[in-house]
PDB file of N, CA and C in Angstrom:
ATOM      1  N   MET A   1       0.838  -1.153   0.224  1.00  0.00           N
ATOM      2  CA  MET A   1      -0.036   0.029  -0.597  1.00  0.00           C
ATOM      3  C   MET A   1       1.205   1.414   0.247  1.00  0.00           C
ATOM      4  N   PHE A   2       1.646   1.116   1.385  1.00  0.00           N
ATOM      5  CA  PHE A   2       2.671   2.163   0.976  1.00  0.00           C
ATOM      6  C   PHE A   2       3.386   2.324  -0.156  1.00  0.00           C
ATOM      7  N   GLU A   3       4.648   1.777  -0.776  1.00  0.00           N
ATOM      8  CA  GLU A   3       4.649   1.648  -2.369  1.00  0.00           C
ATOM      9  C   GLU A   3       3.748   2.222  -3.507  1.00  0.00           C
ATOM     10  N   TYR A   4       2.916   1.710  -3.654  1.00  0.00           N
ATOM     11  CA  TYR A   4       2.697   2.355  -4.904  1.00  0.00           C
ATOM     12  C   TYR A   4       1.450   2.822  -5.020  1.00  0.00           C
ATOM     13  N   GLY A   5       0.455   2.692  -4.117  1.00  0.00           N
ATOM     14  CA  GLY A   5      -0.884   4.301  -3.585  1.00  0.00           C
ATOM     15  C   GLY A   5      -0.573   5.630  -3.817  1.00  0.00           C
ATOM     16  N   SER A   6      -1.367   6.156  -4.473  1.00  0.00           N
ATOM     17  CA  SER A   6      -1.125   7.845  -4.225  1.00  0.00           C
ATOM     18  C   SER A   6      -1.351   8.100  -2.821  1.00  0.00           C
ATOM     19  N   ASP A   7      -0.528   8.976  -2.896  1.00  0.00           N
ATOM     20  CA  ASP A   7      -1.534  10.168  -1.969  1.00  0.00           C
ATOM     21  C   ASP A   7      -2.585   9.540  -0.921  1.00  0.00           C
ATOM     22  N   GLU A   8      -3.936   9.812  -1.774  1.00  0.00           N
ATOM     23  CA  GLU A   8      -5.099   9.958  -1.089  1.00  0.00           C
ATOM     24  C   GLU A   8      -5.179   8.445  -1.738  1.00  0.00           C
ATOM     25  N   GLU A   9      -4.706   7.760  -1.648  1.00  0.00           N
ATOM     26  CA  GLU A   9      -5.311   5.719  -2.366  1.00  0.00           C
ATOM     27  C   GLU A   9      -4.875   5.358  -0.297  1.00  0.00           C
ATOM     28  N   ILE A  10      -3.643   6.848   0.225  1.00  0.00           N
ATOM     29  CA  ILE A  10      -2.645   5.662   1.191  1.00  0.00           C
ATOM     30  C   ILE A  10      -4.034   6.531   2.300  1.00  0.00           C
ATOM     31  N   VAL A  11      -4.182   7.576   2.022  1.00  0.00           N
ATOM     32  CA  VAL A  11      -4.959   8.207   3.528  1.00  0.00           C
ATOM     33  C   VAL A  11      -6.281   7.106   3.290  1.00  0.00           C
ATOM     34  N   ALA A  12      -6.571   6.865   2.729  1.00  0.00           N
ATOM     35  CA  ALA A  12      -8.458   6.353   1.857  1.00  0.00           C
ATOM     36  C   ALA A  12      -7.682   5.428   3.775  1.00  0.00           C
ATOM     37  N   ASN A  13      -7.162   4.692   2.743  1.00  0.00           N
ATOM     38  CA  ASN A  13      -7.001   3.057   3.396  1.00  0.00           C
ATOM     39  C   ASN A  13      -6.363   3.076   4.509  1.00  0.00           C
ATOM     40  N   LEU A  14      -5.970   4.213   5.244  1.00  0.00           N
ATOM     41  CA  LEU A  14      -4.941   4.467   6.646  1.00  0.00           C
ATOM     42  C   LEU A  14      -6.910   4.562   7.741  1.00  0.00           C
ATOM     43  N   ARG A  15      -7.134   5.339   7.098  1.00  0.00           N
ATOM     44  CA  ARG A  15      -8.975   5.905   7.363  1.00  0.00           C
ATOM     45  C   ARG A  15     -10.001   4.297   7.810  1.00  0.00           C
ATOM     46  N   VAL A  16      -9.423   3.829   7.133  1.00  0.00           N
ATOM     47  CA  VAL A  16     -10.638   2.521   7.222  1.00  0.00           C
ATOM     48  C   VAL A  16      -9.953   2.060   8.092  1.00  0.00           C
ATOM     49  N   LEU A  17      -8.712   1.358   8.106  1.00  0.00           N
ATOM     50  CA  LEU A  17      -7.944   0.805   9.053  1.00  0.00           C
ATOM     51  C   LEU A  17      -8.250   1.247  10.218  1.00  0.00           C
ATOM     52  N   HIS A  18      -8.217   3.037  10.866  1.00  0.00           N
ATOM     53  CA  HIS A  18      -8.197   3.308  12.101  1.00  0.00           C
ATOM     54  C   HIS A  18      -9.467   3.203  12.499  1.00  0.00           C
ATOM     55  N   ALA A  19     -10.974   3.180  11.225  1.00  0.00           N
ATOM     56  CA  ALA A  19     -11.783   2.912  12.226  1.00  0.00           C
ATOM     57  C   ALA A  19     -12.895   1.865  12.752  1.00  0.00           C
ATOM     58  N   GLY A  20     -11.192   0.969  11.328  1.00  0.00           N
ATOM     59  CA  GLY A  20     -12.082  -0.455  11.727  1.00  0.00           C
ATOM     60  C   GLY A  20     -11.271  -1.799  12.907  1.00  0.00           C
ATOM     61  N   THR A  21     -10.611  -1.389  13.241  1.00  0.00           N
ATOM     62  CA  THR A  21      -9.271  -1.554  14.730  1.00  0.00           C
ATOM     63  C   THR A  21      -9.278  -1.727  16.645  1.00  0.00           C
ATOM     64  N   ALA A  22      -8.595  -2.194  16.340  1.00  0.00           N
ATOM     65  CA  ALA A  22      -8.239  -1.078  18.110  1.00  0.00           C
ATOM     66  C   ALA A  22      -8.164  -0.708  18.017  1.00  0.00           C
ATOM     67  N   ARG A  23      -7.921   0.025  19.627  1.00  0.00           N
ATOM     68  CA  ARG A  23      -7.611   1.107  20.260  1.00  0.00           C
ATOM     69  C   ARG A  23      -5.798   0.771  19.506  1.00  0.00           C
ATOM     70  N   ASP A  24      -5.368  -0.432  21.076  1.00  0.00           N
ATOM     71  CA  ASP A  24      -3.940  -0.488  20.500  1.00  0.00           C
ATOM     72  C   ASP A  24      -3.262  -0.800  19.091  1.00  0.00           C
ATOM     73  N   ALA A  25      -4.471  -0.818  17.881  1.00  0.00           N
ATOM     74  CA  ALA A  25      -3.336  -1.276  16.288  1.00  0.00           C
ATOM     75  C   ALA A  25      -2.228  -0.847  16.393  1.00  0.00           C
ATOM     76  N   VAL A  26      -1.647  -1.294  15.471  1.00  0.00           N
ATOM     77  CA  VAL A  26      -0.266  -0.877  15.067  1.00  0.00           C
ATOM     78  C   VAL A  26      -0.757  -1.407  13.474  1.00  0.00           C
ATOM     79  N   VAL A  27       0.163  -0.953  12.165  1.00  0.00           N
ATOM     80  CA  VAL A  27       0.322  -0.821  11.534  1.00  0.00           C
ATOM     81  C   VAL A  27       2.143  -0.713  10.577  1.00  0.00           C
ATOM     82  N   VAL A  28       2.302  -2.301  10.269  1.00  0.00           N
ATOM     83  CA  VAL A  28       3.504  -1.984   9.862  1.00  0.00           C
ATOM     84  C   VAL A  28       4.061  -2.197   8.254  1.00  0.00           C
ATOM     85  N   GLY A  29       4.748  -1.012   7.391  1.00  0.00           N
ATOM     86  CA  GLY A  29       5.353  -1.801   5.516  1.00  0.00           C
ATOM     87  C   GLY A  29       6.215  -0.932   5.700  1.00  0.00           C
ATOM     88  N   SER A  30       6.363  -1.225   4.673  1.00  0.00           N
ATOM     89  CA  SER A  30       7.923  -0.576   3.859  1.00  0.00           C
ATOM     90  C   SER A  30       6.923   1.005   2.824  1.00  0.00           C
ATOM     91  N   VAL A  31       7.975   2.245   2.281  1.00  0.00           N
ATOM     92  CA  VAL A  31       8.170   2.800   1.763  1.00  0.00           C
ATOM     93  C   VAL A  31       9.217   3.329   0.492  1.00  0.00           C
ATOM     94  N   THR A  32       8.813   3.686  -0.234  1.00  0.00           N
ATOM     95  CA  THR A  32       9.987   3.345  -1.443  1.00  0.00           C
ATOM     96  C   THR A  32      10.660   5.443  -0.528  1.00  0.00           C
ATOM     97  N   ARG A  33      12.411   5.308  -0.928  1.00  0.00           N
ATOM     98  CA  ARG A  33      12.635   6.608   0.060  1.00  0.00           C
ATOM     99  C   ARG A  33      12.388   7.136  -1.127  1.00  0.00           C
ATOM    100  N   GLU A  34      12.346   9.013  -1.059  1.00  0.00           N
ATOM    101  CA  GLU A  34      13.044   9.866  -2.494  1.00  0.00           C
ATOM    102  C   GLU A  34      14.084  10.208  -2.393  1.00  0.00           C
ATOM    103  N   GLY A  35      14.929  10.218  -3.604  1.00  0.00           N
ATOM    104  CA  GLY A  35      16.737  10.273  -3.551  1.00  0.00           C
ATOM    105  C   GLY A  35      17.341   9.989  -4.880  1.00  0.00           C
ATOM    106  N   ALA A  36      18.268  10.687  -5.171  1.00  0.00           N
ATOM    107  CA  ALA A  36      18.872  10.239  -6.577  1.00  0.00           C
ATOM    108  C   ALA A  36      19.338   8.720  -6.665  1.00  0.00           C
ATOM    109  N   VAL A  37      19.714   8.215  -5.956  1.00  0.00           N
ATOM    110  CA  VAL A  37      19.451   6.524  -6.536  1.00  0.00           C
ATOM    111  C   VAL A  37      18.825   5.181  -6.484  1.00  0.00           C
ATOM    112  N   VAL A  38      17.717   5.981  -6.012  1.00  0.00           N
ATOM    113  CA  VAL A  38      16.377   5.663  -5.913  1.00  0.00           C
ATOM    114  C   VAL A  38      16.031   5.359  -7.241  1.00  0.00           C
ATOM    115  N   ARG A  39      15.456   7.082  -8.067  1.00  0.00           N
ATOM    116  CA  ARG A  39      15.019   7.628  -8.797  1.00  0.00           C
ATOM    117  C   ARG A  39      16.171   6.448 -10.341  1.00  0.00           C
ATOM    118  N   ALA A  40      17.236   6.528  -9.899  1.00  0.00           N
ATOM    119  CA  ALA A  40      17.575   6.387 -11.019  1.00  0.00           C
ATOM    120  C   ALA A  40      17.302   4.527 -11.234  1.00  0.00           C
ATOM    121  N   SER A  41      17.447   4.088 -10.255  1.00  0.00           N
ATOM    122  CA  SER A  41      17.019   2.173  -9.982  1.00  0.00           C
ATOM    123  C   SER A  41      15.435   2.634 -10.823  1.00  0.00           C
ATOM    124  N   LEU A  42      14.597   3.062 -10.206  1.00  0.00           N
ATOM    125  CA  LEU A  42      13.042   2.830 -11.052  1.00  0.00           C
ATOM    126  C   LEU A  42      13.520   3.410 -11.896  1.00  0.00           C
ATOM    127  N   VAL A  43      14.145   4.384 -12.842  1.00  0.00           N
ATOM    128  CA  VAL A  43      13.955   4.906 -14.493  1.00  0.00           C
ATOM    129  C   VAL A  43      14.220   3.427 -15.542  1.00  0.00           C
ATOM    130  N   ALA A  44      15.803   2.913 -14.226  1.00  0.00           N
ATOM    131  CA  ALA A  44      16.385   1.382 -14.845  1.00  0.00           C
ATOM    132  C   ALA A  44      15.263   0.243 -14.839  1.00  0.00           C
ATOM    133  N   ASN A  45      14.367   0.102 -13.707  1.00  0.00           N
ATOM    134  CA  ASN A  45      13.987  -1.400 -13.790  1.00  0.00           C
ATOM    135  C   ASN A  45      12.392  -1.109 -14.132  1.00  0.00           C
ATOM    136  N   ARG A  46      12.043   0.922 -14.612  1.00  0.00           N
ATOM    137  CA  ARG A  46      10.795   0.930 -13.988  1.00  0.00           C
ATOM    138  C   ARG A  46       9.931  -0.099 -13.680  1.00  0.00           C
ATOM    139  N   VAL A  47      10.456   0.775 -12.642  1.00  0.00           N
ATOM    140  CA  VAL A  47       9.550   0.134 -11.813  1.00  0.00           C
ATOM    141  C   VAL A  47       8.863   0.667 -11.056  1.00  0.00           C
ATOM    142  N   SER A  48       6.948   0.611 -10.896  1.00  0.00           N
ATOM    143  CA  SER A  48       6.070   1.618 -10.495  1.00  0.00           C
ATOM    144  C   SER A  48       5.833   1.937  -9.231  1.00  0.00           C
ATOM    145  N   THR A  49       6.734   1.992  -8.132  1.00  0.00           N
ATOM    146  CA  THR A  49       6.191   2.315  -7.183  1.00  0.00           C
ATOM    147  C   THR A  49       6.586   4.220  -7.142  1.00  0.00           C
ATOM    148  N   ARG A  50       6.247   4.459  -5.977  1.00  0.00           N
ATOM    149  CA  ARG A  50       5.767   5.954  -5.723  1.00  0.00           C
ATOM    150  C   ARG A  50       7.257   6.781  -4.768  1.00  0.00           C
ATOM    151  N   PRO A  51       8.400   6.992  -5.036  1.00  0.00           N
ATOM    152  CA  PRO A  51       8.917   7.743  -3.969  1.00  0.00           C
ATOM    153  C   PRO A  51       8.139   8.652  -2.836  1.00  0.00           C
ATOM    154  N   ARG A  52       8.288   8.329  -1.620  1.00  0.00           N
ATOM    155  CA  ARG A  52       8.262   9.565  -1.137  1.00  0.00           C
ATOM    156  C   ARG A  52       9.393   9.740   0.422  1.00  0.00           C
ATOM    157  N   THR A  53       9.911  11.553   0.981  1.00  0.00           N
ATOM    158  CA  THR A  53      10.287  11.477   1.421  1.00  0.00           C
ATOM    159  C   THR A  53       9.432  11.208   3.389  1.00  0.00           C
ATOM    160  N   ILE A  54      10.558  11.088   4.476  1.00  0.00           N
ATOM    161  CA  ILE A  54       9.839  10.160   5.834  1.00  0.00           C
ATOM    162  C   ILE A  54       9.018  11.242   6.455  1.00  0.00           C
ATOM    163  N   GLU A  55       9.049  13.139   5.610  1.00  0.00           N
ATOM    164  CA  GLU A  55       8.129  13.820   6.495  1.00  0.00           C
ATOM    165  C   GLU A  55       6.991  13.803   5.603  1.00  0.00           C
ATOM    166  N   ALA A  56       7.301  13.584   4.017  1.00  0.00           N
ATOM    167  CA  ALA A  56       5.928  13.372   3.398  1.00  0.00           C
ATOM    168  C   ALA A  56       5.163  12.899   3.901  1.00  0.00           C
ATOM    169  N   PHE A  57       5.353  10.633   4.247  1.00  0.00           N
ATOM    170  CA  PHE A  57       5.394   9.756   4.658  1.00  0.00           C
ATOM    171  C   PHE A  57       3.962   9.816   6.080  1.00  0.00           C
ATOM    172  N   ARG A  58       4.952  11.204   6.865  1.00  0.00           N
ATOM    173  CA  ARG A  58       4.588  11.216   8.152  1.00  0.00           C
ATOM    174  C   ARG A  58       3.348  12.266   8.106  1.00  0.00           C
ATOM    175  N   GLY A  59       3.132  13.255   7.251  1.00  0.00           N
ATOM    176  CA  GLY A  59       2.315  14.103   6.871  1.00  0.00           C
ATOM    177  C   GLY A  59       1.046  12.853   6.672  1.00  0.00           C
ATOM    178  N   LEU A  60       1.093  12.201   5.424  1.00  0.00           N
ATOM    179  CA  LEU A  60      -0.100  11.346   4.622  1.00  0.00           C
ATOM    180  C   LEU A  60      -0.909  10.199   6.300  1.00  0.00           C
ATOM    181  N   CYS A  61       0.059   9.645   6.858  1.00  0.00           N
ATOM    182  CA  CYS A  61       0.145   8.879   8.772  1.00  0.00           C
ATOM    183  C   CYS A  61      -1.061   9.582   9.693  1.00  0.00           C
ATOM    184  N   GLU A  62      -0.662  11.234   9.336  1.00  0.00           N
ATOM    185  CA  GLU A  62      -1.661  12.129  10.753  1.00  0.00           C
ATOM    186  C   GLU A  62      -2.582  12.500  10.350  1.00  0.00           C
ATOM    187  N   ASP A  63      -2.032  12.832   8.619  1.00  0.00           N
ATOM    188  CA  ASP A  63      -3.800  13.006   8.054  1.00  0.00           C
ATOM    189  C   ASP A  63      -5.112  11.665   8.395  1.00  0.00           C
ATOM    190  N   ALA A  64      -4.917  10.571   8.739  1.00  0.00           N
ATOM    191  CA  ALA A  64      -5.563   9.178   8.504  1.00  0.00           C
ATOM    192  C   ALA A  64      -6.004   9.087   9.824  1.00  0.00           C
ATOM    193  N   GLY A  65      -5.214  10.266  10.842  1.00  0.00           N
ATOM    194  CA  GLY A  65      -5.268   9.270  12.452  1.00  0.00           C
ATOM    195  C   GLY A  65      -4.671   8.451  12.965  1.00  0.00           C
ATOM    196  N   TRP A  66      -2.981   8.304  12.405  1.00  0.00           N
ATOM    197  CA  TRP A  66      -2.056   7.304  12.277  1.00  0.00           C
ATOM    198  C   TRP A  66      -0.404   8.510  12.952  1.00  0.00           C
ATOM    199  N   SER A  67       0.495   8.103  13.939  1.00  0.00           N
ATOM    200  CA  SER A  67       1.673   8.694  14.263  1.00  0.00           C
ATOM    201  C   SER A  67       2.236   7.509  13.484  1.00  0.00           C
ATOM    202  N   LEU A  68       3.875   8.155  13.035  1.00  0.00           N
ATOM    203  CA  LEU A  68       5.021   7.257  12.626  1.00  0.00           C
ATOM    204  C   LEU A  68       5.568   6.588  13.384  1.00  0.00           C
ATOM    205  N   GLU A  69       5.137   5.851  14.548  1.00  0.00           N
ATOM    206  CA  GLU A  69       6.128   5.769  15.728  1.00  0.00           C
ATOM    207  C   GLU A  69       7.968   5.214  15.372  1.00  0.00           C
ATOM    208  N   GLU A  70       7.987   4.623  14.514  1.00  0.00           N
ATOM    209  CA  GLU A  70       9.174   4.196  14.269  1.00  0.00           C
ATOM    210  C   GLU A  70       9.383   4.113  12.761  1.00  0.00           C
ATOM    211  N   ASN A  71      10.870   4.564  12.721  1.00  0.00           N
ATOM    212  CA  ASN A  71      10.898   3.973  11.110  1.00  0.00           C
ATOM    213  C   ASN A  71      12.372   3.865  11.256  1.00  0.00           C
ATOM    214  N   ILE A  72      12.772   2.756  10.276  1.00  0.00           N
ATOM    215  CA  ILE A  72      14.064   2.200  10.264  1.00  0.00           C
ATOM    216  C   ILE A  72      14.578   2.119   8.636  1.00  0.00           C
ATOM    217  N   GLU A  73      15.824   3.507   7.926  1.00  0.00           N
ATOM    218  CA  GLU A  73      16.069   3.941   7.302  1.00  0.00           C
ATOM    219  C   GLU A  73      17.162   1.843   6.218  1.00  0.00           C
ATOM    220  N   ARG A  74      16.535   1.987   4.647  1.00  0.00           N
ATOM    221  CA  ARG A  74      17.266   1.202   4.298  1.00  0.00           C
ATOM    222  C   ARG A  74      17.118   1.997   3.334  1.00  0.00           C
ATOM    223  N   PRO A  75      18.358   0.836   2.145  1.00  0.00           N
ATOM    224  CA  PRO A  75      19.449   1.610   1.205  1.00  0.00           C
ATOM    225  C   PRO A  75      18.069   2.623   0.531  1.00  0.00           C
ATOM    226  N   PHE A  76      17.574   2.040  -0.007  1.00  0.00           N
ATOM    227  CA  PHE A  76      15.677   2.522  -1.512  1.00  0.00           C
ATOM    228  C   PHE A  76      14.801   2.246  -0.385  1.00  0.00           C
ATOM    229  N   SER A  77      14.596   2.422   0.604  1.00  0.00           N
ATOM    230  CA  SER A  77      12.874   2.251   1.791  1.00  0.00           C
ATOM    231  C   SER A  77      13.823   2.537   3.590  1.00  0.00           C
ATOM    232  N   TYR A  78      12.082   2.722   3.206  1.00  0.00           N
ATOM    233  CA  TYR A  78      11.510   2.684   5.450  1.00  0.00           C
ATOM    234  C   TYR A  78      11.046   1.897   5.637  1.00  0.00           C
ATOM    235  N   HIS A  79      12.052   1.077   6.243  1.00  0.00           N
ATOM    236  CA  HIS A  79      10.954   0.128   7.401  1.00  0.00           C
ATOM    237  C   HIS A  79       9.941   0.918   8.367  1.00  0.00           C
ATOM    238  N   VAL A  80       8.668   1.279   8.350  1.00  0.00           N
ATOM    239  CA  VAL A  80       8.116   1.701   9.190  1.00  0.00           C
ATOM    240  C   VAL A  80       6.821   0.757  10.092  1.00  0.00           C
ATOM    241  N   ARG A  81       6.467   1.712  11.592  1.00  0.00           N
ATOM    242  CA  ARG A  81       5.282   0.869  12.616  1.00  0.00           C
ATOM    243  C   ARG A  81       4.394   2.009  12.626  1.00  0.00           C
ATOM    244  N   LEU A  82       3.226   1.914  12.160  1.00  0.00           N
ATOM    245  CA  LEU A  82       2.581   3.144  12.756  1.00  0.00           C
ATOM    246  C   LEU A  82       1.850   2.602  13.714  1.00  0.00           C
ATOM    247  N   ARG A  83       1.657   3.682  14.837  1.00  0.00           N
ATOM    248  CA  ARG A  83       0.945   3.466  15.402  1.00  0.00           C
ATOM    249  C   ARG A  83      -0.189   4.419  15.647  1.00  0.00           C
ATOM    250  N   LYS A  84      -1.771   3.701  16.120  1.00  0.00           N
ATOM    251  CA  LYS A  84      -3.660   4.788  16.145  1.00  0.00           C
ATOM    252  C   LYS A  84      -3.429   5.808  17.162  1.00  0.00           C
ATOM    253  N   SER A  85      -3.374   7.186  16.408  1.00  0.00           N
ATOM    254  CA  SER A  85      -3.608   8.178  16.681  1.00  0.00           C
ATOM    255  C   SER A  85      -4.515   8.616  17.889  1.00  0.00           C
ATOM    256  N   GLU A  86      -5.058   8.854  19.051  1.00  0.00           N
ATOM    257  CA  GLU A  86      -5.948   8.960  19.253  1.00  0.00           C
ATOM    258  C   GLU A  86      -6.696  10.321  18.341  1.00  0.00           C
ATOM    259  N   VAL A  87      -7.895  10.679  18.278  1.00  0.00           N
ATOM    260  CA  VAL A  87      -8.868  11.274  17.711  1.00  0.00           C
ATOM    261  C   VAL A  87      -9.611  12.578  18.568  1.00  0.00           C
TER     262      VAL A  87
END
């Protein structure tokens, strides 16, 4: 979901998860990193992921009622854990 979805799709899906899960729910996933190396790789491999900065991804999470609890930086992606925020 975080690698290929549009901003709107990510927010919509996270809102559905927020509404349908327990108060202490968490979501984990990976987010393609924005950067020159990733852009070059995407062109060379014609991969359709959507690179984002971690700040942009954090904003999408917050818009949907989640907080970015953990972020592990990998060479081409971020591995993230989200925790449900109190609304």
